[in-house]
Amino acid sequence: MKLTQVRRHAMSLADVTEEPHHALSSFRVRGRIFVTFPPEGDHVRVFVDEFERERALAMHPAFVSKLLWGGKVAGLRIDLASAQPAVVKALVSAAWEHRARSAGARPAAR
């Protein structure tokens, strides 16, 4: 999967902006980050809830791994070269939904 496909999908969700985040770029819903990625675009970091995170780790270990932040699992790291596009899109949507709930955004049109 290519970063351009991830970008297209993320930007199709309601109230999404793409903004810098330190040395990374991020997709945000009303200011809340739900995906980050490095300039080289070889992977994305997706911030889903614990249930989605554990399910993705169990079902897709070939391209999904834990994203650690301060010794805690904060999200998922997805290797785009080997990722299944449908899975990545579903995880990006789940991350959007997770962050949008707390940001007061309207549900995404799917």
N, C-alpha and C. Protein backbone atom coordinates (compact mmCIF):
# COMPACT_ATOMS: atom_id res chain seq x y z
N MET A 1 0.85 -1.17 0.00
CA MET A 1 0.00 0.00 0.00
C MET A 1 0.89 1.24 0.00
N LYS A 2 0.45 2.27 -0.63
CA LYS A 2 1.19 3.53 -0.72
C LYS A 2 0.62 4.57 0.23
N LEU A 3 1.48 5.46 0.69
CA LEU A 3 1.04 6.54 1.57
C LEU A 3 -0.02 7.40 0.90
N THR A 4 0.06 7.56 -0.40
CA THR A 4 -0.96 8.36 -1.10
C THR A 4 -2.36 7.78 -0.92
N GLN A 5 -2.46 6.45 -0.86
CA GLN A 5 -3.74 5.80 -0.64
C GLN A 5 -4.24 6.06 0.79
N VAL A 6 -3.32 5.98 1.74
CA VAL A 6 -3.67 6.27 3.14
C VAL A 6 -4.14 7.72 3.25
N ARG A 7 -3.40 8.62 2.64
CA ARG A 7 -3.75 10.05 2.67
C ARG A 7 -5.14 10.28 2.08
N ARG A 8 -5.39 9.71 0.93
CA ARG A 8 -6.69 9.87 0.27
C ARG A 8 -7.82 9.40 1.18
N HIS A 9 -7.61 8.25 1.79
CA HIS A 9 -8.65 7.71 2.68
C HIS A 9 -8.83 8.60 3.91
N ALA A 10 -7.74 8.94 4.57
CA ALA A 10 -7.84 9.76 5.79
C ALA A 10 -8.51 11.10 5.50
N MET A 11 -8.14 11.72 4.39
CA MET A 11 -8.70 13.03 4.07
C MET A 11 -10.16 12.96 3.63
N SER A 12 -10.66 11.76 3.33
CA SER A 12 -12.07 11.60 2.97
C SER A 12 -12.97 11.57 4.20
N LEU A 13 -12.38 11.43 5.38
CA LEU A 13 -13.14 11.38 6.62
C LEU A 13 -13.48 12.80 7.07
N ALA A 14 -14.55 12.94 7.80
CA ALA A 14 -15.04 14.26 8.20
C ALA A 14 -14.07 15.00 9.12
N ASP A 15 -13.93 16.30 8.88
CA ASP A 15 -13.19 17.21 9.75
C ASP A 15 -11.70 16.90 9.88
N VAL A 16 -11.09 16.29 8.87
CA VAL A 16 -9.68 15.88 8.94
C VAL A 16 -8.79 16.96 8.33
N THR A 17 -7.67 17.20 9.01
CA THR A 17 -6.61 18.06 8.49
C THR A 17 -5.31 17.28 8.51
N GLU A 18 -4.38 17.68 7.65
CA GLU A 18 -3.03 17.12 7.67
C GLU A 18 -2.12 18.23 8.17
N GLU A 19 -1.36 17.95 9.22
CA GLU A 19 -0.51 18.96 9.84
C GLU A 19 0.83 18.35 10.26
N PRO A 20 1.87 19.18 10.36
CA PRO A 20 3.15 18.69 10.86
C PRO A 20 3.04 18.30 12.34
N HIS A 21 3.86 17.35 12.73
CA HIS A 21 3.94 16.92 14.13
C HIS A 21 5.40 16.56 14.40
N HIS A 22 6.17 17.51 14.90
CA HIS A 22 7.62 17.36 15.09
C HIS A 22 8.24 16.99 13.74
N ALA A 23 8.98 15.90 13.64
CA ALA A 23 9.60 15.50 12.37
C ALA A 23 8.64 14.66 11.52
N LEU A 24 7.43 14.47 12.00
CA LEU A 24 6.43 13.64 11.31
C LEU A 24 5.35 14.52 10.71
N SER A 25 4.45 13.89 9.98
CA SER A 25 3.21 14.51 9.57
C SER A 25 2.09 13.79 10.29
N SER A 26 0.94 14.44 10.39
CA SER A 26 -0.17 13.81 11.10
C SER A 26 -1.49 14.11 10.42
N PHE A 27 -2.43 13.21 10.64
CA PHE A 27 -3.83 13.45 10.30
C PHE A 27 -4.54 13.66 11.63
N ARG A 28 -5.38 14.70 11.66
CA ARG A 28 -6.07 15.07 12.89
C ARG A 28 -7.55 15.27 12.61
N VAL A 29 -8.33 14.98 13.62
CA VAL A 29 -9.75 15.31 13.59
C VAL A 29 -9.99 16.31 14.71
N ARG A 30 -10.37 17.52 14.32
CA ARG A 30 -10.56 18.63 15.25
C ARG A 30 -9.40 18.77 16.23
N GLY A 31 -8.20 18.68 15.68
CA GLY A 31 -6.99 18.87 16.47
C GLY A 31 -6.43 17.63 17.13
N ARG A 32 -7.15 16.54 17.12
CA ARG A 32 -6.69 15.31 17.78
C ARG A 32 -6.05 14.37 16.77
N ILE A 33 -4.81 14.00 17.04
CA ILE A 33 -4.05 13.13 16.12
C ILE A 33 -4.61 11.71 16.15
N PHE A 34 -4.82 11.15 14.93
CA PHE A 34 -5.21 9.74 14.86
C PHE A 34 -4.26 8.91 14.00
N VAL A 35 -3.43 9.55 13.19
CA VAL A 35 -2.39 8.86 12.40
C VAL A 35 -1.19 9.80 12.28
N THR A 36 0.02 9.23 12.40
CA THR A 36 1.24 9.97 12.09
C THR A 36 2.07 9.13 11.12
N PHE A 37 2.98 9.81 10.41
CA PHE A 37 3.86 9.09 9.50
C PHE A 37 5.12 9.91 9.26
N PRO A 38 6.26 9.21 9.01
CA PRO A 38 7.53 9.89 8.76
C PRO A 38 7.61 10.38 7.31
N PRO A 39 8.58 11.26 7.03
CA PRO A 39 8.72 11.79 5.66
C PRO A 39 8.92 10.70 4.61
N GLU A 40 9.62 9.64 4.96
CA GLU A 40 9.86 8.59 3.96
C GLU A 40 8.60 7.80 3.63
N GLY A 41 7.58 7.85 4.45
CA GLY A 41 6.28 7.25 4.14
C GLY A 41 6.26 5.75 4.05
N ASP A 42 7.18 5.06 4.71
CA ASP A 42 7.21 3.61 4.64
C ASP A 42 6.30 2.93 5.65
N HIS A 43 5.85 3.68 6.62
CA HIS A 43 4.91 3.14 7.61
C HIS A 43 4.03 4.27 8.14
N VAL A 44 2.94 3.86 8.80
CA VAL A 44 2.08 4.81 9.49
C VAL A 44 1.93 4.35 10.93
N ARG A 45 1.64 5.29 11.79
CA ARG A 45 1.37 5.01 13.20
C ARG A 45 -0.09 5.38 13.43
N VAL A 46 -0.85 4.40 13.87
CA VAL A 46 -2.30 4.55 13.98
C VAL A 46 -2.70 4.41 15.44
N PHE A 47 -3.54 5.34 15.91
CA PHE A 47 -3.93 5.38 17.31
C PHE A 47 -5.38 4.93 17.48
N VAL A 48 -5.53 3.63 17.66
CA VAL A 48 -6.85 3.01 17.85
C VAL A 48 -7.04 2.68 19.33
N ASP A 49 -8.27 2.29 19.67
CA ASP A 49 -8.51 1.90 21.05
C ASP A 49 -7.88 0.53 21.33
N GLU A 50 -7.86 0.14 22.59
CA GLU A 50 -7.17 -1.09 22.99
C GLU A 50 -7.74 -2.33 22.31
N PHE A 51 -9.05 -2.41 22.19
CA PHE A 51 -9.68 -3.57 21.55
C PHE A 51 -9.20 -3.72 20.10
N GLU A 52 -9.28 -2.64 19.33
CA GLU A 52 -8.84 -2.68 17.92
C GLU A 52 -7.35 -2.99 17.83
N ARG A 53 -6.58 -2.40 18.73
CA ARG A 53 -5.13 -2.61 18.73
C ARG A 53 -4.80 -4.09 18.93
N GLU A 54 -5.37 -4.69 19.95
CA GLU A 54 -5.07 -6.10 20.25
C GLU A 54 -5.56 -7.02 19.14
N ARG A 55 -6.70 -6.71 18.57
CA ARG A 55 -7.23 -7.53 17.48
C ARG A 55 -6.32 -7.44 16.26
N ALA A 56 -5.88 -6.24 15.91
CA ALA A 56 -4.99 -6.08 14.75
C ALA A 56 -3.65 -6.78 14.97
N LEU A 57 -3.11 -6.67 16.17
CA LEU A 57 -1.85 -7.34 16.48
C LEU A 57 -1.97 -8.85 16.33
N ALA A 58 -3.10 -9.41 16.76
CA ALA A 58 -3.31 -10.85 16.67
C ALA A 58 -3.57 -11.32 15.24
N MET A 59 -4.30 -10.52 14.48
CA MET A 59 -4.72 -10.94 13.14
C MET A 59 -3.72 -10.63 12.03
N HIS A 60 -2.86 -9.61 12.24
CA HIS A 60 -1.99 -9.15 11.16
C HIS A 60 -0.54 -8.93 11.60
N PRO A 61 0.07 -9.94 12.23
CA PRO A 61 1.44 -9.75 12.73
C PRO A 61 2.48 -9.56 11.63
N ALA A 62 2.15 -9.86 10.39
CA ALA A 62 3.12 -9.70 9.29
C ALA A 62 3.39 -8.24 8.98
N PHE A 63 2.44 -7.36 9.29
CA PHE A 63 2.65 -5.95 8.97
C PHE A 63 2.21 -4.97 10.05
N VAL A 64 1.68 -5.48 11.16
CA VAL A 64 1.25 -4.63 12.28
C VAL A 64 2.09 -4.97 13.51
N SER A 65 2.61 -3.94 14.17
CA SER A 65 3.37 -4.14 15.40
C SER A 65 2.99 -3.07 16.41
N LYS A 66 3.40 -3.30 17.66
CA LYS A 66 3.10 -2.35 18.73
C LYS A 66 3.91 -1.07 18.54
N LEU A 67 3.27 0.05 18.82
CA LEU A 67 3.94 1.34 18.86
C LEU A 67 4.08 1.71 20.33
N LEU A 68 5.32 1.74 20.79
CA LEU A 68 5.58 2.05 22.20
C LEU A 68 5.86 3.53 22.38
N TRP A 69 5.34 4.07 23.47
CA TRP A 69 5.57 5.47 23.83
C TRP A 69 5.76 5.49 25.34
N GLY A 70 6.97 5.80 25.78
CA GLY A 70 7.24 5.82 27.21
C GLY A 70 7.05 4.47 27.88
N GLY A 71 7.35 3.41 27.16
CA GLY A 71 7.22 2.07 27.72
C GLY A 71 5.82 1.49 27.65
N LYS A 72 4.85 2.27 27.19
CA LYS A 72 3.47 1.80 27.06
C LYS A 72 3.12 1.63 25.59
N VAL A 73 2.19 0.73 25.33
CA VAL A 73 1.70 0.56 23.97
C VAL A 73 0.71 1.70 23.71
N ALA A 74 1.06 2.56 22.75
CA ALA A 74 0.24 3.74 22.47
C ALA A 74 -0.59 3.59 21.20
N GLY A 75 -0.21 2.66 20.36
CA GLY A 75 -0.90 2.49 19.09
C GLY A 75 -0.26 1.39 18.28
N LEU A 76 -0.42 1.49 16.97
CA LEU A 76 0.10 0.48 16.06
C LEU A 76 1.05 1.11 15.05
N ARG A 77 2.05 0.34 14.66
CA ARG A 77 2.94 0.72 13.57
C ARG A 77 2.62 -0.23 12.43
N ILE A 78 2.28 0.32 11.29
CA ILE A 78 1.88 -0.50 10.14
C ILE A 78 2.90 -0.32 9.02
N ASP A 79 3.53 -1.42 8.60
CA ASP A 79 4.48 -1.42 7.50
C ASP A 79 3.69 -1.41 6.20
N LEU A 80 3.74 -0.30 5.47
CA LEU A 80 2.90 -0.15 4.28
C LEU A 80 3.29 -1.07 3.14
N ALA A 81 4.56 -1.43 3.02
CA ALA A 81 5.00 -2.27 1.91
C ALA A 81 4.32 -3.64 1.91
N SER A 82 4.04 -4.16 3.08
CA SER A 82 3.43 -5.49 3.16
C SER A 82 1.99 -5.48 3.65
N ALA A 83 1.44 -4.31 3.87
CA ALA A 83 0.09 -4.19 4.45
C ALA A 83 -1.00 -4.48 3.43
N GLN A 84 -2.10 -5.00 3.93
CA GLN A 84 -3.30 -5.20 3.13
C GLN A 84 -4.10 -3.89 3.15
N PRO A 85 -4.34 -3.29 1.99
CA PRO A 85 -5.01 -1.99 1.95
C PRO A 85 -6.34 -1.94 2.70
N ALA A 86 -7.15 -2.96 2.60
CA ALA A 86 -8.45 -2.95 3.29
C ALA A 86 -8.27 -2.89 4.81
N VAL A 87 -7.25 -3.57 5.31
CA VAL A 87 -6.98 -3.57 6.76
C VAL A 87 -6.50 -2.19 7.19
N VAL A 88 -5.60 -1.59 6.42
CA VAL A 88 -5.09 -0.26 6.76
C VAL A 88 -6.23 0.75 6.77
N LYS A 89 -7.06 0.73 5.76
CA LYS A 89 -8.20 1.66 5.71
C LYS A 89 -9.12 1.46 6.90
N ALA A 90 -9.38 0.22 7.26
CA ALA A 90 -10.25 -0.06 8.42
C ALA A 90 -9.63 0.47 9.71
N LEU A 91 -8.32 0.30 9.86
CA LEU A 91 -7.65 0.79 11.07
C LEU A 91 -7.59 2.31 11.11
N VAL A 92 -7.37 2.95 9.97
CA VAL A 92 -7.39 4.42 9.92
C VAL A 92 -8.78 4.92 10.28
N SER A 93 -9.81 4.28 9.76
CA SER A 93 -11.18 4.67 10.09
C SER A 93 -11.48 4.46 11.57
N ALA A 94 -11.01 3.36 12.12
CA ALA A 94 -11.22 3.08 13.55
C ALA A 94 -10.50 4.11 14.41
N ALA A 95 -9.30 4.51 14.00
CA ALA A 95 -8.55 5.53 14.73
C ALA A 95 -9.26 6.87 14.65
N TRP A 96 -9.77 7.21 13.47
CA TRP A 96 -10.55 8.44 13.30
C TRP A 96 -11.74 8.44 14.26
N GLU A 97 -12.47 7.33 14.24
CA GLU A 97 -13.67 7.21 15.09
C GLU A 97 -13.32 7.34 16.57
N HIS A 98 -12.24 6.70 16.97
CA HIS A 98 -11.79 6.74 18.37
C HIS A 98 -11.49 8.18 18.80
N ARG A 99 -10.77 8.92 17.98
CA ARG A 99 -10.42 10.31 18.31
C ARG A 99 -11.60 11.25 18.10
N ALA A 100 -12.40 11.00 17.09
CA ALA A 100 -13.53 11.89 16.78
C ALA A 100 -14.56 11.90 17.90
N ARG A 101 -14.76 10.75 18.52
CA ARG A 101 -15.73 10.67 19.63
C ARG A 101 -15.40 11.69 20.71
N SER A 102 -14.14 11.78 21.07
CA SER A 102 -13.76 12.70 22.14
C SER A 102 -13.61 14.13 21.63
N ALA A 103 -13.52 14.30 20.31
CA ALA A 103 -13.37 15.66 19.75
C ALA A 103 -14.71 16.25 19.32
N GLY A 104 -15.77 15.46 19.42
CA GLY A 104 -17.09 15.97 19.05
C GLY A 104 -17.34 16.09 17.56
N ALA A 105 -16.62 15.33 16.74
CA ALA A 105 -16.80 15.38 15.29
C ALA A 105 -18.01 14.52 14.87
N ARG A 106 -18.55 14.83 13.71
CA ARG A 106 -19.68 14.05 13.20
C ARG A 106 -19.17 12.73 12.63
N PRO A 107 -20.00 11.70 12.60
CA PRO A 107 -19.59 10.40 12.05
C PRO A 107 -19.16 10.51 10.59
N ALA A 108 -18.22 9.64 10.21
CA ALA A 108 -17.71 9.64 8.83
C ALA A 108 -18.74 9.03 7.89
N ALA A 109 -18.84 9.57 6.70
CA ALA A 109 -19.66 8.96 5.66
C ALA A 109 -18.88 7.81 5.07
N ARG A 110 -19.47 6.65 5.04
CA ARG A 110 -18.75 5.46 4.52
C ARG A 110 -19.51 4.83 3.39
